[in-house]
Amino acid sequence: MMTVLEGIFFVMFFFGILSFIFSYKHLLNMLLSLEFMVLCLFIILFFYLNFFNFEQYFSMFFLVFSVCEGVLGLSIMVFLIRSHGNDYFFSYSFLQC
Protein backbone atom coordinates (compact mmCIF):
# COMPACT_ATOMS: atom_id res chain seq x y z
CA MET A 1 0.00 0.00 0.00
CA MET A 2 2.84 2.38 0.80
CA THR A 3 4.51 1.91 -2.58
CA VAL A 4 1.29 2.80 -4.41
CA LEU A 5 1.01 6.08 -2.47
CA GLU A 6 4.66 6.87 -3.03
CA GLY A 7 4.25 6.15 -6.74
CA ILE A 8 1.26 8.47 -6.93
CA PHE A 9 3.18 11.30 -5.29
CA PHE A 10 6.23 10.72 -7.50
CA VAL A 11 3.95 11.02 -10.53
CA MET A 12 2.47 14.19 -9.04
CA PHE A 13 6.01 15.53 -8.55
CA PHE A 14 6.78 14.72 -12.19
CA PHE A 15 3.64 16.60 -13.28
CA GLY A 16 4.82 19.53 -11.16
CA ILE A 17 8.13 19.51 -13.02
CA LEU A 18 6.30 19.41 -16.35
CA SER A 19 4.04 22.29 -15.35
CA PHE A 20 7.10 24.26 -14.24
CA ILE A 21 8.79 23.66 -17.58
CA PHE A 22 5.76 24.55 -19.68
CA SER A 23 4.47 27.53 -17.65
CA TYR A 24 7.38 29.83 -18.34
CA LYS A 25 5.20 32.75 -19.46
CA HIS A 26 3.92 33.99 -16.07
CA LEU A 27 5.96 34.20 -12.90
CA LEU A 28 2.95 33.34 -10.71
CA ASN A 29 2.40 30.04 -12.54
CA MET A 30 6.06 29.17 -12.05
CA LEU A 31 5.83 29.89 -8.32
CA LEU A 32 2.66 27.81 -8.00
CA SER A 33 4.23 24.83 -9.72
CA LEU A 34 7.29 25.14 -7.45
CA GLU A 35 5.03 25.11 -4.39
CA PHE A 36 3.21 22.07 -5.78
CA MET A 37 6.54 20.24 -6.12
CA VAL A 38 7.51 21.21 -2.55
CA LEU A 39 4.18 19.90 -1.28
CA CYS A 40 4.71 16.59 -3.08
CA LEU A 41 8.21 16.33 -1.65
CA PHE A 42 6.84 17.01 1.83
CA ILE A 43 4.27 14.24 1.53
CA ILE A 44 6.91 11.80 0.26
CA LEU A 45 9.20 12.80 3.15
CA PHE A 46 6.37 12.43 5.66
CA PHE A 47 5.55 8.90 4.44
CA TYR A 48 9.24 7.98 4.45
CA LEU A 49 9.73 9.18 8.03
CA ASN A 50 6.57 7.42 9.21
CA PHE A 51 7.56 4.17 7.51
CA PHE A 52 10.91 4.00 9.31
CA ASN A 53 9.51 5.38 12.61
CA PHE A 54 11.76 8.44 12.65
CA GLU A 55 10.96 11.69 14.41
CA GLN A 56 8.93 14.30 12.55
CA TYR A 57 11.19 17.26 13.39
CA PHE A 58 12.84 17.23 9.99
CA SER A 59 9.47 17.58 8.29
CA MET A 60 8.80 20.63 10.47
CA PHE A 61 12.08 22.22 9.36
CA PHE A 62 11.24 21.34 5.76
CA LEU A 63 7.87 23.10 6.06
CA VAL A 64 9.45 26.17 7.65
CA PHE A 65 12.01 26.51 4.86
CA SER A 66 9.41 25.89 2.16
CA VAL A 67 7.18 28.63 3.61
CA CYS A 68 10.17 30.99 3.68
CA GLU A 69 10.88 30.09 0.04
CA GLY A 70 7.27 30.79 -0.90
CA VAL A 71 7.21 34.15 0.88
CA LEU A 72 10.48 35.17 -0.75
CA GLY A 73 9.14 34.24 -4.20
CA LEU A 74 5.93 36.17 -3.65
CA SER A 75 7.78 39.23 -2.39
CA ILE A 76 10.04 39.19 -5.46
CA MET A 77 6.97 38.85 -7.66
CA VAL A 78 5.25 41.81 -5.96
CA PHE A 79 8.41 43.90 -6.39
CA LEU A 80 8.64 43.01 -10.08
CA ILE A 81 4.95 43.72 -10.69
CA ARG A 82 5.26 47.11 -9.01
CA SER A 83 8.35 48.00 -10.99
CA HIS A 84 7.39 46.56 -14.40
CA GLY A 85 3.58 46.46 -14.28
CA ASN A 86 3.05 42.77 -15.16
CA ASP A 87 4.25 39.28 -14.33
CA TYR A 88 5.31 38.17 -17.79
CA PHE A 89 8.63 36.48 -17.28
CA PHE A 90 10.18 37.47 -20.60
CA SER A 91 9.45 41.18 -20.17
CA TYR A 92 11.99 41.42 -17.34
CA SER A 93 15.47 42.50 -18.20
CA PHE A 94 17.60 41.39 -15.28
CA LEU A 95 20.49 43.52 -16.47
CA GLN A 96 18.48 46.66 -15.60
CA CYS A 97 17.15 45.57 -12.19
PDB file of N, CA and C in Angstrom:
ATOM      1  N   MET A   1       0.824  -1.195   0.000  1.00  0.00           N
ATOM      2  CA  MET A   1       0.000   0.000   0.000  1.00  0.00           C
ATOM      3  C   MET A   1       0.866   1.256   0.000  1.00  0.00           C
ATOM      4  N   MET A   2       1.977   1.197   0.720  1.00  0.00           N
ATOM      5  CA  MET A   2       2.837   2.377   0.798  1.00  0.00           C
ATOM      6  C   MET A   2       3.495   2.684  -0.544  1.00  0.00           C
ATOM      7  N   THR A   3       3.845   1.665  -1.295  1.00  0.00           N
ATOM      8  CA  THR A   3       4.510   1.914  -2.575  1.00  0.00           C
ATOM      9  C   THR A   3       3.552   2.535  -3.585  1.00  0.00           C
ATOM     10  N   VAL A   4       2.273   2.203  -3.503  1.00  0.00           N
ATOM     11  CA  VAL A   4       1.293   2.800  -4.408  1.00  0.00           C
ATOM     12  C   VAL A   4       1.167   4.297  -4.121  1.00  0.00           C
ATOM     13  N   LEU A   5       1.098   4.660  -2.830  1.00  0.00           N
ATOM     14  CA  LEU A   5       1.010   6.076  -2.474  1.00  0.00           C
ATOM     15  C   LEU A   5       2.274   6.831  -2.861  1.00  0.00           C
ATOM     16  N   GLU A   6       3.418   6.213  -2.635  1.00  0.00           N
ATOM     17  CA  GLU A   6       4.664   6.869  -3.034  1.00  0.00           C
ATOM     18  C   GLU A   6       4.729   7.039  -4.546  1.00  0.00           C
ATOM     19  N   GLY A   7       4.268   6.050  -5.286  1.00  0.00           N
ATOM     20  CA  GLY A   7       4.250   6.153  -6.738  1.00  0.00           C
ATOM     21  C   GLY A   7       3.344   7.260  -7.214  1.00  0.00           C
ATOM     22  N   ILE A   8       2.197   7.406  -6.560  1.00  0.00           N
ATOM     23  CA  ILE A   8       1.262   8.470  -6.934  1.00  0.00           C
ATOM     24  C   ILE A   8       1.887   9.842  -6.705  1.00  0.00           C
ATOM     25  N   PHE A   9       2.579  10.001  -5.573  1.00  0.00           N
ATOM     26  CA  PHE A   9       3.176  11.301  -5.285  1.00  0.00           C
ATOM     27  C   PHE A   9       4.409  11.564  -6.140  1.00  0.00           C
ATOM     28  N   PHE A  10       5.132  10.503  -6.552  1.00  0.00           N
ATOM     29  CA  PHE A  10       6.229  10.715  -7.497  1.00  0.00           C
ATOM     30  C   PHE A  10       5.691  11.155  -8.863  1.00  0.00           C
ATOM     31  N   VAL A  11       4.572  10.593  -9.270  1.00  0.00           N
ATOM     32  CA  VAL A  11       3.947  11.022 -10.530  1.00  0.00           C
ATOM     33  C   VAL A  11       3.457  12.458 -10.411  1.00  0.00           C
ATOM     34  N   MET A  12       2.896  12.803  -9.253  1.00  0.00           N
ATOM     35  CA  MET A  12       2.469  14.190  -9.043  1.00  0.00           C
ATOM     36  C   MET A  12       3.665  15.137  -9.073  1.00  0.00           C
ATOM     37  N   PHE A  13       4.793  14.708  -8.505  1.00  0.00           N
ATOM     38  CA  PHE A  13       6.005  15.526  -8.553  1.00  0.00           C
ATOM     39  C   PHE A  13       6.479  15.699  -9.995  1.00  0.00           C
ATOM     40  N   PHE A  14       6.401  14.637 -10.784  1.00  0.00           N
ATOM     41  CA  PHE A  14       6.777  14.720 -12.188  1.00  0.00           C
ATOM     42  C   PHE A  14       5.869  15.678 -12.946  1.00  0.00           C
ATOM     43  N   PHE A  15       4.561  15.649 -12.653  1.00  0.00           N
ATOM     44  CA  PHE A  15       3.645  16.600 -13.279  1.00  0.00           C
ATOM     45  C   PHE A  15       3.942  18.030 -12.842  1.00  0.00           C
ATOM     46  N   GLY A  16       4.402  18.206 -11.606  1.00  0.00           N
ATOM     47  CA  GLY A  16       4.820  19.526 -11.157  1.00  0.00           C
ATOM     48  C   GLY A  16       6.022  20.029 -11.927  1.00  0.00           C
ATOM     49  N   ILE A  17       6.970  19.126 -12.210  1.00  0.00           N
ATOM     50  CA  ILE A  17       8.134  19.505 -13.016  1.00  0.00           C
ATOM     51  C   ILE A  17       7.697  19.882 -14.426  1.00  0.00           C
ATOM     52  N   LEU A  18       6.790  19.088 -15.006  1.00  0.00           N
ATOM     53  CA  LEU A  18       6.304  19.407 -16.350  1.00  0.00           C
ATOM     54  C   LEU A  18       5.566  20.737 -16.389  1.00  0.00           C
ATOM     55  N   SER A  19       4.749  21.006 -15.366  1.00  0.00           N
ATOM     56  CA  SER A  19       4.042  22.285 -15.352  1.00  0.00           C
ATOM     57  C   SER A  19       5.006  23.440 -15.139  1.00  0.00           C
ATOM     58  N   PHE A  20       6.097  23.211 -14.404  1.00  0.00           N
ATOM     59  CA  PHE A  20       7.102  24.259 -14.241  1.00  0.00           C
ATOM     60  C   PHE A  20       7.823  24.539 -15.553  1.00  0.00           C
ATOM     61  N   ILE A  21       8.090  23.492 -16.303  1.00  0.00           N
ATOM     62  CA  ILE A  21       8.787  23.660 -17.578  1.00  0.00           C
ATOM     63  C   ILE A  21       7.911  24.370 -18.599  1.00  0.00           C
ATOM     64  N   PHE A  22       6.633  24.015 -18.640  1.00  0.00           N
ATOM     65  CA  PHE A  22       5.758  24.551 -19.682  1.00  0.00           C
ATOM     66  C   PHE A  22       4.996  25.809 -19.275  1.00  0.00           C
ATOM     67  N   SER A  23       5.158  26.297 -18.052  1.00  0.00           N
ATOM     68  CA  SER A  23       4.474  27.535 -17.654  1.00  0.00           C
ATOM     69  C   SER A  23       5.490  28.644 -17.462  1.00  0.00           C
ATOM     70  N   TYR A  24       6.314  28.848 -18.443  1.00  0.00           N
ATOM     71  CA  TYR A  24       7.381  29.829 -18.344  1.00  0.00           C
ATOM     72  C   TYR A  24       6.923  31.231 -18.699  1.00  0.00           C
ATOM     73  N   LYS A  25       5.663  31.432 -19.028  1.00  0.00           N
ATOM     74  CA  LYS A  25       5.203  32.751 -19.455  1.00  0.00           C
ATOM     75  C   LYS A  25       4.942  33.672 -18.263  1.00  0.00           C
ATOM     76  N   HIS A  26       4.269  33.178 -17.235  1.00  0.00           N
ATOM     77  CA  HIS A  26       3.923  33.986 -16.070  1.00  0.00           C
ATOM     78  C   HIS A  26       4.738  33.533 -14.860  1.00  0.00           C
ATOM     79  N   LEU A  27       5.185  34.502 -14.096  1.00  0.00           N
ATOM     80  CA  LEU A  27       5.962  34.203 -12.899  1.00  0.00           C
ATOM     81  C   LEU A  27       5.100  33.552 -11.825  1.00  0.00           C
ATOM     82  N   LEU A  28       3.831  33.919 -11.720  1.00  0.00           N
ATOM     83  CA  LEU A  28       2.951  33.335 -10.709  1.00  0.00           C
ATOM     84  C   LEU A  28       2.724  31.848 -10.967  1.00  0.00           C
ATOM     85  N   ASN A  29       2.560  31.463 -12.223  1.00  0.00           N
ATOM     86  CA  ASN A  29       2.401  30.042 -12.538  1.00  0.00           C
ATOM     87  C   ASN A  29       3.655  29.255 -12.193  1.00  0.00           C
ATOM     88  N   MET A  30       4.808  29.843 -12.399  1.00  0.00           N
ATOM     89  CA  MET A  30       6.057  29.167 -12.053  1.00  0.00           C
ATOM     90  C   MET A  30       6.168  28.986 -10.540  1.00  0.00           C
ATOM     91  N   LEU A  31       5.777  29.998  -9.777  1.00  0.00           N
ATOM     92  CA  LEU A  31       5.827  29.886  -8.320  1.00  0.00           C
ATOM     93  C   LEU A  31       4.829  28.855  -7.802  1.00  0.00           C
ATOM     94  N   LEU A  32       3.652  28.803  -8.421  1.00  0.00           N
ATOM     95  CA  LEU A  32       2.656  27.814  -7.998  1.00  0.00           C
ATOM     96  C   LEU A  32       3.111  26.387  -8.283  1.00  0.00           C
ATOM     97  N   SER A  33       3.745  26.170  -9.411  1.00  0.00           N
ATOM     98  CA  SER A  33       4.227  24.833  -9.715  1.00  0.00           C
ATOM     99  C   SER A  33       5.397  24.449  -8.807  1.00  0.00           C
ATOM    100  N   LEU A  34       6.230  25.422  -8.423  1.00  0.00           N
ATOM    101  CA  LEU A  34       7.287  25.140  -7.454  1.00  0.00           C
ATOM    102  C   LEU A  34       6.709  24.756  -6.095  1.00  0.00           C
ATOM    103  N   GLU A  35       5.667  25.459  -5.663  1.00  0.00           N
ATOM    104  CA  GLU A  35       5.031  25.112  -4.386  1.00  0.00           C
ATOM    105  C   GLU A  35       4.347  23.744  -4.457  1.00  0.00           C
ATOM    106  N   PHE A  36       3.804  23.392  -5.602  1.00  0.00           N
ATOM    107  CA  PHE A  36       3.210  22.066  -5.776  1.00  0.00           C
ATOM    108  C   PHE A  36       4.278  20.978  -5.651  1.00  0.00           C
ATOM    109  N   MET A  37       5.450  21.218  -6.233  1.00  0.00           N
ATOM    110  CA  MET A  37       6.539  20.243  -6.117  1.00  0.00           C
ATOM    111  C   MET A  37       7.026  20.131  -4.675  1.00  0.00           C
ATOM    112  N   VAL A  38       7.088  21.249  -3.955  1.00  0.00           N
ATOM    113  CA  VAL A  38       7.510  21.215  -2.552  1.00  0.00           C
ATOM    114  C   VAL A  38       6.497  20.454  -1.716  1.00  0.00           C
ATOM    115  N   LEU A  39       5.211  20.630  -2.006  1.00  0.00           N
ATOM    116  CA  LEU A  39       4.179  19.900  -1.278  1.00  0.00           C
ATOM    117  C   LEU A  39       4.272  18.401  -1.536  1.00  0.00           C
ATOM    118  N   CYS A  40       4.526  18.012  -2.772  1.00  0.00           N
ATOM    119  CA  CYS A  40       4.706  16.586  -3.081  1.00  0.00           C
ATOM    120  C   CYS A  40       5.933  16.020  -2.383  1.00  0.00           C
ATOM    121  N   LEU A  41       7.015  16.778  -2.363  1.00  0.00           N
ATOM    122  CA  LEU A  41       8.212  16.327  -1.651  1.00  0.00           C
ATOM    123  C   LEU A  41       7.961  16.205  -0.154  1.00  0.00           C
ATOM    124  N   PHE A  42       7.169  17.113   0.412  1.00  0.00           N
ATOM    125  CA  PHE A  42       6.843  17.014   1.833  1.00  0.00           C
ATOM    126  C   PHE A  42       6.046  15.758   2.136  1.00  0.00           C
ATOM    127  N   ILE A  43       5.082  15.431   1.290  1.00  0.00           N
ATOM    128  CA  ILE A  43       4.267  14.237   1.532  1.00  0.00           C
ATOM    129  C   ILE A  43       5.114  12.978   1.395  1.00  0.00           C
ATOM    130  N   ILE A  44       6.011  12.938   0.412  1.00  0.00           N
ATOM    131  CA  ILE A  44       6.910  11.795   0.262  1.00  0.00           C
ATOM    132  C   ILE A  44       7.811  11.674   1.486  1.00  0.00           C
ATOM    133  N   LEU A  45       8.349  12.803   1.963  1.00  0.00           N
ATOM    134  CA  LEU A  45       9.196  12.797   3.149  1.00  0.00           C
ATOM    135  C   LEU A  45       8.425  12.356   4.385  1.00  0.00           C
ATOM    136  N   PHE A  46       7.192  12.805   4.515  1.00  0.00           N
ATOM    137  CA  PHE A  46       6.370  12.425   5.663  1.00  0.00           C
ATOM    138  C   PHE A  46       6.101  10.928   5.670  1.00  0.00           C
ATOM    139  N   PHE A  47       5.761  10.343   4.511  1.00  0.00           N
ATOM    140  CA  PHE A  47       5.550   8.899   4.440  1.00  0.00           C
ATOM    141  C   PHE A  47       6.831   8.126   4.725  1.00  0.00           C
ATOM    142  N   TYR A  48       7.948   8.643   4.221  1.00  0.00           N
ATOM    143  CA  TYR A  48       9.236   7.983   4.445  1.00  0.00           C
ATOM    144  C   TYR A  48       9.588   7.973   5.929  1.00  0.00           C
ATOM    145  N   LEU A  49       9.403   9.107   6.599  1.00  0.00           N
ATOM    146  CA  LEU A  49       9.726   9.181   8.026  1.00  0.00           C
ATOM    147  C   LEU A  49       8.776   8.340   8.862  1.00  0.00           C
ATOM    148  N   ASN A  50       7.507   8.274   8.483  1.00  0.00           N
ATOM    149  CA  ASN A  50       6.565   7.422   9.208  1.00  0.00           C
ATOM    150  C   ASN A  50       6.856   5.942   8.997  1.00  0.00           C
ATOM    151  N   PHE A  51       7.295   5.579   7.807  1.00  0.00           N
ATOM    152  CA  PHE A  51       7.559   4.166   7.511  1.00  0.00           C
ATOM    153  C   PHE A  51       8.717   3.636   8.338  1.00  0.00           C
ATOM    154  N   PHE A  52       9.739   4.445   8.541  1.00  0.00           N
ATOM    155  CA  PHE A  52      10.907   4.003   9.306  1.00  0.00           C
ATOM    156  C   PHE A  52      10.860   4.442  10.762  1.00  0.00           C
ATOM    157  N   ASN A  53       9.742   4.961  11.229  1.00  0.00           N
ATOM    158  CA  ASN A  53       9.511   5.375  12.614  1.00  0.00           C
ATOM    159  C   ASN A  53      10.538   6.391  13.102  1.00  0.00           C
ATOM    160  N   PHE A  54      10.870   7.362  12.246  1.00  0.00           N
ATOM    161  CA  PHE A  54      11.758   8.444  12.649  1.00  0.00           C
ATOM    162  C   PHE A  54      10.929   9.575  13.244  1.00  0.00           C
ATOM    163  N   GLU A  55      11.629  10.511  13.863  1.00  0.00           N
ATOM    164  CA  GLU A  55      10.961  11.691  14.410  1.00  0.00           C
ATOM    165  C   GLU A  55      10.493  12.602  13.275  1.00  0.00           C
ATOM    166  N   GLN A  56       9.519  13.429  13.561  1.00  0.00           N
ATOM    167  CA  GLN A  56       8.932  14.298  12.549  1.00  0.00           C
ATOM    168  C   GLN A  56       9.506  15.711  12.569  1.00  0.00           C
ATOM    169  N   TYR A  57      10.611  15.912  13.301  1.00  0.00           N
ATOM    170  CA  TYR A  57      11.186  17.258  13.392  1.00  0.00           C
ATOM    171  C   TYR A  57      11.734  17.723  12.056  1.00  0.00           C
ATOM    172  N   PHE A  58      12.295  16.825  11.279  1.00  0.00           N
ATOM    173  CA  PHE A  58      12.839  17.226   9.988  1.00  0.00           C
ATOM    174  C   PHE A  58      11.741  17.718   9.054  1.00  0.00           C
ATOM    175  N   SER A  59      10.575  17.110   9.134  1.00  0.00           N
ATOM    176  CA  SER A  59       9.473  17.578   8.294  1.00  0.00           C
ATOM    177  C   SER A  59       9.023  18.974   8.715  1.00  0.00           C
ATOM    178  N   MET A  60       9.124  19.284  10.005  1.00  0.00           N
ATOM    179  CA  MET A  60       8.796  20.632  10.474  1.00  0.00           C
ATOM    180  C   MET A  60       9.792  21.648   9.918  1.00  0.00           C
ATOM    181  N   PHE A  61      11.078  21.320   9.942  1.00  0.00           N
ATOM    182  CA  PHE A  61      12.077  22.216   9.361  1.00  0.00           C
ATOM    183  C   PHE A  61      11.863  22.375   7.858  1.00  0.00           C
ATOM    184  N   PHE A  62      11.503  21.281   7.198  1.00  0.00           N
ATOM    185  CA  PHE A  62      11.240  21.345   5.760  1.00  0.00           C
ATOM    186  C   PHE A  62      10.077  22.278   5.465  1.00  0.00           C
ATOM    187  N   LEU A  63       9.016  22.201   6.259  1.00  0.00           N
ATOM    188  CA  LEU A  63       7.874  23.096   6.058  1.00  0.00           C
ATOM    189  C   LEU A  63       8.243  24.556   6.324  1.00  0.00           C
ATOM    190  N   VAL A  64       9.051  24.794   7.347  1.00  0.00           N
ATOM    191  CA  VAL A  64       9.455  26.171   7.651  1.00  0.00           C
ATOM    192  C   VAL A  64      10.248  26.754   6.492  1.00  0.00           C
ATOM    193  N   PHE A  65      11.202  25.996   5.965  1.00  0.00           N
ATOM    194  CA  PHE A  65      12.007  26.515   4.858  1.00  0.00           C
ATOM    195  C   PHE A  65      11.196  26.641   3.574  1.00  0.00           C
ATOM    196  N   SER A  66      10.231  25.767   3.365  1.00  0.00           N
ATOM    197  CA  SER A  66       9.408  25.891   2.161  1.00  0.00           C
ATOM    198  C   SER A  66       8.478  27.105   2.249  1.00  0.00           C
ATOM    199  N   VAL A  67       7.994  27.417   3.451  1.00  0.00           N
ATOM    200  CA  VAL A  67       7.182  28.628   3.613  1.00  0.00           C
ATOM    201  C   VAL A  67       8.036  29.870   3.389  1.00  0.00           C
ATOM    202  N   CYS A  68       9.261  29.851   3.906  1.00  0.00           N
ATOM    203  CA  CYS A  68      10.171  30.986   3.678  1.00  0.00           C
ATOM    204  C   CYS A  68      10.479  31.149   2.195  1.00  0.00           C
ATOM    205  N   GLU A  69      10.638  30.036   1.493  1.00  0.00           N
ATOM    206  CA  GLU A  69      10.877  30.090   0.043  1.00  0.00           C
ATOM    207  C   GLU A  69       9.673  30.658  -0.690  1.00  0.00           C
ATOM    208  N   GLY A  70       8.479  30.273  -0.273  1.00  0.00           N
ATOM    209  CA  GLY A  70       7.270  30.792  -0.904  1.00  0.00           C
ATOM    210  C   GLY A  70       7.078  32.272  -0.657  1.00  0.00           C
ATOM    211  N   VAL A  71       7.350  32.722   0.552  1.00  0.00           N
ATOM    212  CA  VAL A  71       7.213  34.145   0.879  1.00  0.00           C
ATOM    213  C   VAL A  71       8.245  34.962   0.118  1.00  0.00           C
ATOM    214  N   LEU A  72       9.453  34.460   0.003  1.00  0.00           N
ATOM    215  CA  LEU A  72      10.478  35.167  -0.751  1.00  0.00           C
ATOM    216  C   LEU A  72      10.103  35.277  -2.226  1.00  0.00           C
ATOM    217  N   GLY A  73       9.572  34.197  -2.807  1.00  0.00           N
ATOM    218  CA  GLY A  73       9.137  34.237  -4.198  1.00  0.00           C
ATOM    219  C   GLY A  73       8.005  35.214  -4.423  1.00  0.00           C
ATOM    220  N   LEU A  74       7.036  35.231  -3.509  1.00  0.00           N
ATOM    221  CA  LEU A  74       5.926  36.172  -3.655  1.00  0.00           C
ATOM    222  C   LEU A  74       6.373  37.614  -3.479  1.00  0.00           C
ATOM    223  N   SER A  75       7.302  37.851  -2.569  1.00  0.00           N
ATOM    224  CA  SER A  75       7.779  39.234  -2.393  1.00  0.00           C
ATOM    225  C   SER A  75       8.565  39.699  -3.614  1.00  0.00           C
ATOM    226  N   ILE A  76       9.338  38.816  -4.224  1.00  0.00           N
ATOM    227  CA  ILE A  76      10.042  39.187  -5.458  1.00  0.00           C
ATOM    228  C   ILE A  76       9.043  39.448  -6.582  1.00  0.00           C
ATOM    229  N   MET A  77       7.976  38.638  -6.629  1.00  0.00           N
ATOM    230  CA  MET A  77       6.970  38.854  -7.663  1.00  0.00           C
ATOM    231  C   MET A  77       6.246  40.187  -7.466  1.00  0.00           C
ATOM    232  N   VAL A  78       5.912  40.532  -6.226  1.00  0.00           N
ATOM    233  CA  VAL A  78       5.253  41.814  -5.956  1.00  0.00           C
ATOM    234  C   VAL A  78       6.162  42.970  -6.331  1.00  0.00           C
ATOM    235  N   PHE A  79       7.454  42.850  -6.013  1.00  0.00           N
ATOM    236  CA  PHE A  79       8.406  43.900  -6.387  1.00  0.00           C
ATOM    237  C   PHE A  79       8.494  44.052  -7.904  1.00  0.00           C
ATOM    238  N   LEU A  80       8.544  42.926  -8.621  1.00  0.00           N
ATOM    239  CA  LEU A  80       8.642  43.006 -10.077  1.00  0.00           C
ATOM    240  C   LEU A  80       7.361  43.524 -10.714  1.00  0.00           C
ATOM    241  N   ILE A  81       6.208  43.195 -10.150  1.00  0.00           N
ATOM    242  CA  ILE A  81       4.948  43.720 -10.687  1.00  0.00           C
ATOM    243  C   ILE A  81       4.854  45.226 -10.449  1.00  0.00           C
ATOM    244  N   ARG A  82       5.301  45.673  -9.277  1.00  0.00           N
ATOM    245  CA  ARG A  82       5.261  47.112  -9.010  1.00  0.00           C
ATOM    246  C   ARG A  82       6.241  47.892  -9.886  1.00  0.00           C
ATOM    247  N   SER A  83       7.364  47.268 -10.194  1.00  0.00           N
ATOM    248  CA  SER A  83       8.353  48.005 -10.988  1.00  0.00           C
ATOM    249  C   SER A  83       8.104  47.891 -12.486  1.00  0.00           C
ATOM    250  N   HIS A  84       7.567  46.758 -12.967  1.00  0.00           N
ATOM    251  CA  HIS A  84       7.385  46.555 -14.405  1.00  0.00           C
ATOM    252  C   HIS A  84       5.925  46.582 -14.848  1.00  0.00           C
ATOM    253  N   GLY A  85       4.981  46.366 -13.933  1.00  0.00           N
ATOM    254  CA  GLY A  85       3.576  46.456 -14.277  1.00  0.00           C
ATOM    255  C   GLY A  85       2.919  45.155 -14.672  1.00  0.00           C
ATOM    256  N   ASN A  86       3.657  44.063 -14.814  1.00  0.00           N
ATOM    257  CA  ASN A  86       3.054  42.766 -15.161  1.00  0.00           C
ATOM    258  C   ASN A  86       3.926  41.652 -14.615  1.00  0.00           C
ATOM    259  N   ASP A  87       3.453  40.413 -14.798  1.00  0.00           N
ATOM    260  CA  ASP A  87       4.255  39.281 -14.326  1.00  0.00           C
ATOM    261  C   ASP A  87       4.697  38.382 -15.474  1.00  0.00           C
ATOM    262  N   TYR A  88       4.763  38.944 -16.669  1.00  0.00           N
ATOM    263  CA  TYR A  88       5.315  38.174 -17.787  1.00  0.00           C
ATOM    264  C   TYR A  88       6.803  37.996 -17.574  1.00  0.00           C
ATOM    265  N   PHE A  89       7.251  36.770 -17.640  1.00  0.00           N
ATOM    266  CA  PHE A  89       8.632  36.475 -17.280  1.00  0.00           C
ATOM    267  C   PHE A  89       9.619  37.010 -18.300  1.00  0.00           C
ATOM    268  N   PHE A  90       9.246  37.034 -19.577  1.00  0.00           N
ATOM    269  CA  PHE A  90      10.183  37.469 -20.602  1.00  0.00           C
ATOM    270  C   PHE A  90      10.242  38.986 -20.759  1.00  0.00           C
ATOM    271  N   SER A  91       9.381  39.721 -20.064  1.00  0.00           N
ATOM    272  CA  SER A  91       9.445  41.176 -20.167  1.00  0.00           C
ATOM    273  C   SER A  91      10.460  41.763 -19.190  1.00  0.00           C
ATOM    274  N   TYR A  92      11.011  40.933 -18.309  1.00  0.00           N
ATOM    275  CA  TYR A  92      11.988  41.422 -17.338  1.00  0.00           C
ATOM    276  C   TYR A  92      13.375  41.388 -17.953  1.00  0.00           C
ATOM    277  N   SER A  93      14.071  42.460 -17.812  1.00  0.00           N
ATOM    278  CA  SER A  93      15.471  42.504 -18.198  1.00  0.00           C
ATOM    279  C   SER A  93      16.276  42.564 -16.906  1.00  0.00           C
ATOM    280  N   PHE A  94      16.891  41.457 -16.553  1.00  0.00           N
ATOM    281  CA  PHE A  94      17.600  41.388 -15.276  1.00  0.00           C
ATOM    282  C   PHE A  94      18.904  42.187 -15.283  1.00  0.00           C
ATOM    283  N   LEU A  95      19.303  42.670 -16.434  1.00  0.00           N
ATOM    284  CA  LEU A  95      20.488  43.522 -16.471  1.00  0.00           C
ATOM    285  C   LEU A  95      20.164  44.924 -15.974  1.00  0.00           C
ATOM    286  N   GLN A  96      18.881  45.316 -16.043  1.00  0.00           N
ATOM    287  CA  GLN A  96      18.481  46.658 -15.603  1.00  0.00           C
ATOM    288  C   GLN A  96      18.009  46.697 -14.170  1.00  0.00           C
ATOM    289  N   CYS A  97      17.687  45.571 -13.562  1.00  0.00           N
ATOM    290  CA  CYS A  97      17.147  45.567 -12.190  1.00  0.00           C
ATOM    291  C   CYS A  97      18.210  45.885 -11.169  1.00  0.00           C
TER     292      CYS A  97
END
